[in-house]
Protein backbone atom coordinates (compact mmCIF):
# COMPACT_ATOMS: atom_id res chain seq x y z
CA MET A 1 73.62 108.19 83.91
CA THR A 2 76.61 105.95 84.38
CA PHE A 3 80.28 106.63 83.79
CA THR A 4 82.48 103.80 82.56
CA ILE A 5 86.19 103.41 82.05
CA ASP A 6 86.52 100.80 79.32
CA LEU A 7 89.88 99.06 78.84
CA GLU A 8 88.50 96.03 77.01
CA GLY A 9 91.04 94.68 74.54
CA ARG A 10 93.98 96.45 76.23
CA ARG A 11 96.97 94.69 77.73
CA ALA A 12 98.31 96.15 80.97
CA LEU A 13 101.47 95.51 82.97
CA VAL A 14 101.61 96.58 86.61
CA THR A 15 104.98 96.29 88.33
CA GLY A 16 105.20 95.55 92.03
CA ALA A 17 101.61 94.31 91.92
CA GLY A 18 101.96 91.49 94.42
CA ARG A 19 100.47 93.53 97.26
CA GLY A 20 99.36 96.94 98.43
CA ILE A 21 98.95 99.72 95.88
CA GLY A 22 100.06 97.62 92.91
CA ARG A 23 97.58 94.89 93.77
CA ALA A 24 94.74 97.44 93.86
CA ILE A 25 95.83 98.90 90.52
CA ALA A 26 95.95 95.45 88.91
CA HIS A 27 92.43 94.68 90.16
CA ALA A 28 91.07 98.03 88.95
CA LEU A 29 92.51 97.67 85.45
CA ALA A 30 91.16 94.13 85.20
CA THR A 31 87.72 95.30 86.37
CA ALA A 32 87.82 97.88 83.56
CA GLY A 33 88.40 95.03 81.08
CA ALA A 34 92.17 94.98 80.58
CA ALA A 35 94.16 91.75 80.46
CA VAL A 36 96.65 92.36 83.26
CA ALA A 37 100.19 91.04 83.56
CA VAL A 38 100.82 90.99 87.30
CA ASN A 39 104.47 91.62 88.06
CA ASP A 40 106.31 91.11 91.31
CA VAL A 41 109.86 90.13 92.21
CA ASP A 42 108.27 87.33 94.28
CA PRO A 43 106.63 84.84 91.86
CA SER A 44 104.25 83.53 94.52
CA GLN A 45 102.82 87.00 95.14
CA ALA A 46 102.38 87.66 91.42
CA GLU A 47 100.58 84.32 91.04
CA ALA A 48 98.33 84.97 94.04
CA VAL A 49 97.09 88.32 92.71
CA ALA A 50 96.60 86.92 89.20
CA ASP A 51 94.54 84.11 90.71
CA GLU A 52 92.43 86.65 92.64
CA ILE A 53 91.67 88.58 89.47
CA ILE A 54 90.74 85.44 87.56
CA ALA A 55 88.49 84.32 90.43
CA ASP A 56 86.71 87.69 90.16
CA GLY A 57 86.09 87.10 86.46
CA GLY A 58 88.97 89.18 85.10
CA LYS A 59 91.89 88.36 82.82
CA ALA A 60 95.36 88.12 84.37
CA THR A 61 98.66 86.31 84.16
CA PRO A 62 101.60 86.40 86.56
CA LEU A 63 104.76 87.94 85.10
CA PRO A 64 107.47 87.84 87.76
CA PHE A 65 110.76 89.63 87.15
CA ASP A 66 113.12 92.05 88.89
CA VAL A 67 112.70 95.57 87.50
CA THR A 68 116.33 96.35 88.34
CA GLN A 69 117.58 93.84 85.74
CA TYR A 70 117.03 95.18 82.23
CA LEU A 71 117.58 91.93 80.33
CA ASP A 72 115.04 90.16 82.53
CA VAL A 73 112.57 93.02 82.05
CA ALA A 74 112.98 93.10 78.27
CA THR A 75 112.74 89.31 77.95
CA ALA A 76 109.58 89.15 80.07
CA ILE A 77 107.79 92.00 78.30
CA GLU A 78 108.71 90.76 74.83
CA GLY A 79 107.73 87.22 75.75
CA SER A 80 104.34 88.39 77.01
CA GLY A 81 103.57 90.00 73.66
CA GLY A 82 104.10 93.56 74.85
CA THR A 83 101.76 95.90 76.67
CA ASP A 84 99.42 98.77 75.85
CA ILE A 85 99.44 100.14 79.41
CA LEU A 86 102.53 100.21 81.63
CA VAL A 87 102.16 101.12 85.29
CA ASN A 88 105.54 101.67 86.94
CA ASN A 89 104.51 100.98 90.52
CA ALA A 90 107.45 98.97 91.91
CA GLY A 91 109.24 101.24 94.34
CA ASN A 92 110.44 101.97 97.84
CA ALA A 93 113.68 99.99 98.06
CA GLY A 94 112.48 96.83 96.36
CA ALA A 95 112.80 93.53 98.13
CA GLU A 96 115.36 95.06 100.50
CA ARG A 97 112.78 97.47 101.92
CA PHE A 98 113.60 100.85 103.47
CA GLY A 99 116.67 101.32 105.60
CA ALA A 100 116.96 103.57 108.64
CA LEU A 101 115.42 107.04 108.30
CA VAL A 102 118.33 109.41 108.93
CA ASP A 103 119.45 112.89 107.93
CA PHE A 104 121.35 112.84 104.65
CA ALA A 105 124.53 114.02 106.40
CA GLU A 106 124.45 110.77 108.38
CA SER A 107 123.47 108.48 105.50
CA ASP A 108 125.60 105.63 104.17
CA PRO A 109 126.49 106.18 100.49
CA GLY A 110 126.50 102.42 100.07
CA GLU A 111 122.75 102.43 100.78
CA TRP A 112 121.77 104.99 98.12
CA SER A 113 121.95 102.76 95.07
CA ARG A 114 119.08 100.47 96.03
CA TYR A 115 116.62 103.38 95.91
CA PHE A 116 117.81 104.40 92.44
CA ALA A 117 117.87 100.79 91.21
CA VAL A 118 114.13 100.33 91.77
CA ASN A 119 112.56 103.78 91.62
CA LEU A 120 114.56 105.33 88.78
CA PHE A 121 116.30 102.60 86.81
CA GLY A 122 113.41 100.18 87.28
CA THR A 123 111.08 102.75 85.74
CA MET A 124 113.55 103.39 82.92
CA HIS A 125 114.03 99.66 82.24
CA CYS A 126 110.32 98.90 81.99
CA THR A 127 109.55 101.99 79.95
CA ARG A 128 112.40 101.30 77.53
CA ALA A 129 111.21 97.72 77.03
CA ALA A 130 107.55 98.69 76.54
CA LEU A 131 107.84 101.77 74.32
CA PRO A 132 108.91 100.31 70.95
CA ALA A 133 105.71 98.28 70.57
CA MET A 134 103.60 101.22 71.75
CA ILE A 135 105.26 103.48 69.18
CA ALA A 136 104.77 100.90 66.44
CA GLY A 137 101.09 100.63 67.36
CA GLN A 138 100.70 104.42 67.64
CA SER A 139 99.02 104.07 71.03
CA GLY A 140 100.04 103.54 74.63
CA ARG A 141 99.89 104.68 78.24
CA VAL A 142 102.70 104.92 80.77
CA VAL A 143 101.76 105.81 84.35
CA THR A 144 104.50 106.05 86.97
CA ILE A 145 103.93 106.18 90.72
CA VAL A 146 106.18 108.74 92.38
CA SER A 147 106.04 110.41 95.79
CA ASP A 148 105.43 113.74 97.46
CA ALA A 149 108.70 113.02 99.26
CA ALA A 150 110.22 114.06 95.93
CA ARG A 151 107.68 116.59 94.64
CA TYR A 152 107.47 118.53 97.91
CA GLY A 153 110.39 117.23 99.94
CA ASP A 154 110.45 115.13 103.10
CA ALA A 155 113.29 114.92 105.58
CA LYS A 156 115.29 111.75 106.23
CA VAL A 157 114.52 110.10 102.89
CA ALA A 158 116.76 112.14 100.56
CA PRO A 159 118.10 109.24 98.41
CA TYR A 160 114.55 107.93 97.91
CA ALA A 161 113.28 111.43 97.13
CA ALA A 162 116.08 111.95 94.62
CA ALA A 163 115.25 108.70 92.84
CA LYS A 164 111.53 109.49 92.66
CA ALA A 165 112.24 113.03 91.43
CA GLY A 166 114.48 111.51 88.78
CA ALA A 167 111.67 109.21 87.66
CA ALA A 168 109.28 112.16 87.33
CA GLY A 169 111.80 114.16 85.29
CA PHE A 170 112.49 111.13 83.12
CA CYS A 171 108.77 110.71 82.42
CA ARG A 172 108.35 114.36 81.42
CA SER A 173 111.23 114.04 78.96
CA VAL A 174 109.87 110.82 77.45
CA ALA A 175 106.39 112.36 77.19
CA ARG A 176 107.81 115.00 74.81
CA GLU A 177 109.38 112.30 72.67
CA VAL A 178 106.44 109.93 72.25
CA GLY A 179 103.35 112.14 72.24
CA ARG A 180 103.33 112.30 68.44
CA HIS A 181 102.95 108.50 68.44
CA GLY A 182 99.77 108.55 70.52
CA VAL A 183 101.62 107.50 73.68
CA THR A 184 101.02 109.45 76.89
CA VAL A 185 103.32 109.46 79.93
CA ASN A 186 102.16 110.73 83.32
CA CYS A 187 103.02 110.44 87.01
CA ILE A 188 101.00 110.23 90.21
CA SER A 189 102.67 111.68 93.30
CA LEU A 190 101.47 110.00 96.49
CA GLY A 191 101.18 111.02 100.09
CA THR A 192 100.98 108.32 102.74
CA ILE A 193 98.87 105.39 101.54
CA ASP A 194 97.68 102.46 103.64
CA SER A 195 99.88 99.58 102.53
CA PRO A 196 102.05 96.85 104.05
CA VAL A 197 105.06 99.21 103.87
CA VAL A 198 103.56 101.60 106.46
CA ALA A 199 101.33 99.16 108.34
CA ASP A 200 103.28 99.49 111.59
CA ALA A 201 104.20 103.17 111.28
CA PRO A 202 102.40 105.74 113.47
CA PHE A 203 100.17 108.27 111.71
CA ASP A 204 98.32 111.14 113.39
CA GLY A 205 97.08 112.92 110.27
CA ARG A 206 98.93 116.16 110.97
CA GLY A 207 99.85 117.99 107.78
CA TYR A 208 96.97 116.38 105.87
CA VAL A 209 93.79 118.31 105.08
CA VAL A 210 91.92 115.00 104.82
CA ARG A 211 93.20 113.56 108.08
CA ARG A 212 93.75 109.97 107.17
CA ARG A 213 96.00 107.84 105.01
CA GLY A 214 94.97 107.33 101.43
CA LYS A 215 93.58 104.03 100.23
CA PRO A 216 95.16 101.88 97.50
CA GLU A 217 91.81 101.89 95.68
CA GLU A 218 91.95 105.69 95.44
CA VAL A 219 95.29 105.45 93.65
CA ALA A 220 93.92 102.73 91.38
CA GLY A 221 91.02 104.93 90.27
CA LEU A 222 93.32 107.70 89.01
CA VAL A 223 95.60 105.18 87.32
CA ALA A 224 92.62 103.62 85.51
CA TYR A 225 91.52 107.04 84.27
CA LEU A 226 94.99 108.01 83.00
CA ALA A 227 95.26 104.60 81.32
CA SER A 228 91.96 105.03 79.50
CA PRO A 229 91.00 106.66 76.19
CA LEU A 230 89.40 109.45 78.25
CA ALA A 231 92.89 110.76 79.10
CA ALA A 232 94.25 110.81 75.55
CA TRP A 233 95.09 114.54 75.72
CA ILE A 234 96.87 114.40 79.09
CA THR A 235 100.62 113.87 79.08
CA GLY A 236 103.76 115.02 80.85
CA GLN A 237 101.84 115.71 84.06
CA THR A 238 102.39 114.84 87.71
CA TYR A 239 99.18 114.56 89.69
CA ALA A 240 99.33 114.95 93.48
CA LEU A 241 97.15 112.39 95.23
CA ASN A 242 97.86 113.22 98.84
CA GLY A 243 94.85 114.21 100.93
CA GLY A 244 95.89 117.85 100.76
CA TYR A 245 99.38 117.26 102.18
CA THR A 246 100.45 119.83 99.61
CA PHE A 247 98.50 122.01 97.21
CA SER A 248 99.40 122.57 93.55
CA GLN A 249 99.18 126.06 92.08
């Protein structure tokens, strides 16, 4: 017996897909049959991943834009013909990357906004631009990547955690609004995943039941499931994908 996730005929948009987790998600959705719009703020990275997918026999186009700029987001999504599956993956602090990890009492208020611009407002911008066509078509999937830094709480990243928690709350609210239109909205809350962002950071596995970092492909598998018809009755949920860093009741 085989088990297949079939996204043939679906259009997907993955933000921040030029590397790491987003790249793996874009490849997984394309492997399942979706035509994938590969977004990144860096056009060359979006093009490189789209080329990889095409070389593997999938369907992909680069769609570079900055998720923090709503007019650019709306123009790009409308110009691409809309999307059936939106994966809000762009995060961290965008092109600026993370700043110093410090206690909140020592943080610079001038640094907070970049975390909200990408993780919260970027998610809101893309979701706002994608939803009208999903509602009109009475079908759609929105999957947003959040973090256990927000769901559970991690020290020294409070502005980032606040932005990710805001994105999760936003998605729960939107899920209640659009469920009657056949549109589902869910989040995936990540522990530490092997990616370029943490490539040079030490990791000893303490605090994790499965004592290793997660793999981008493991995130991509859950995204593909939530994006598929198999998950049509799942909405408003936040799934912890974290190697047992925390347990859900």
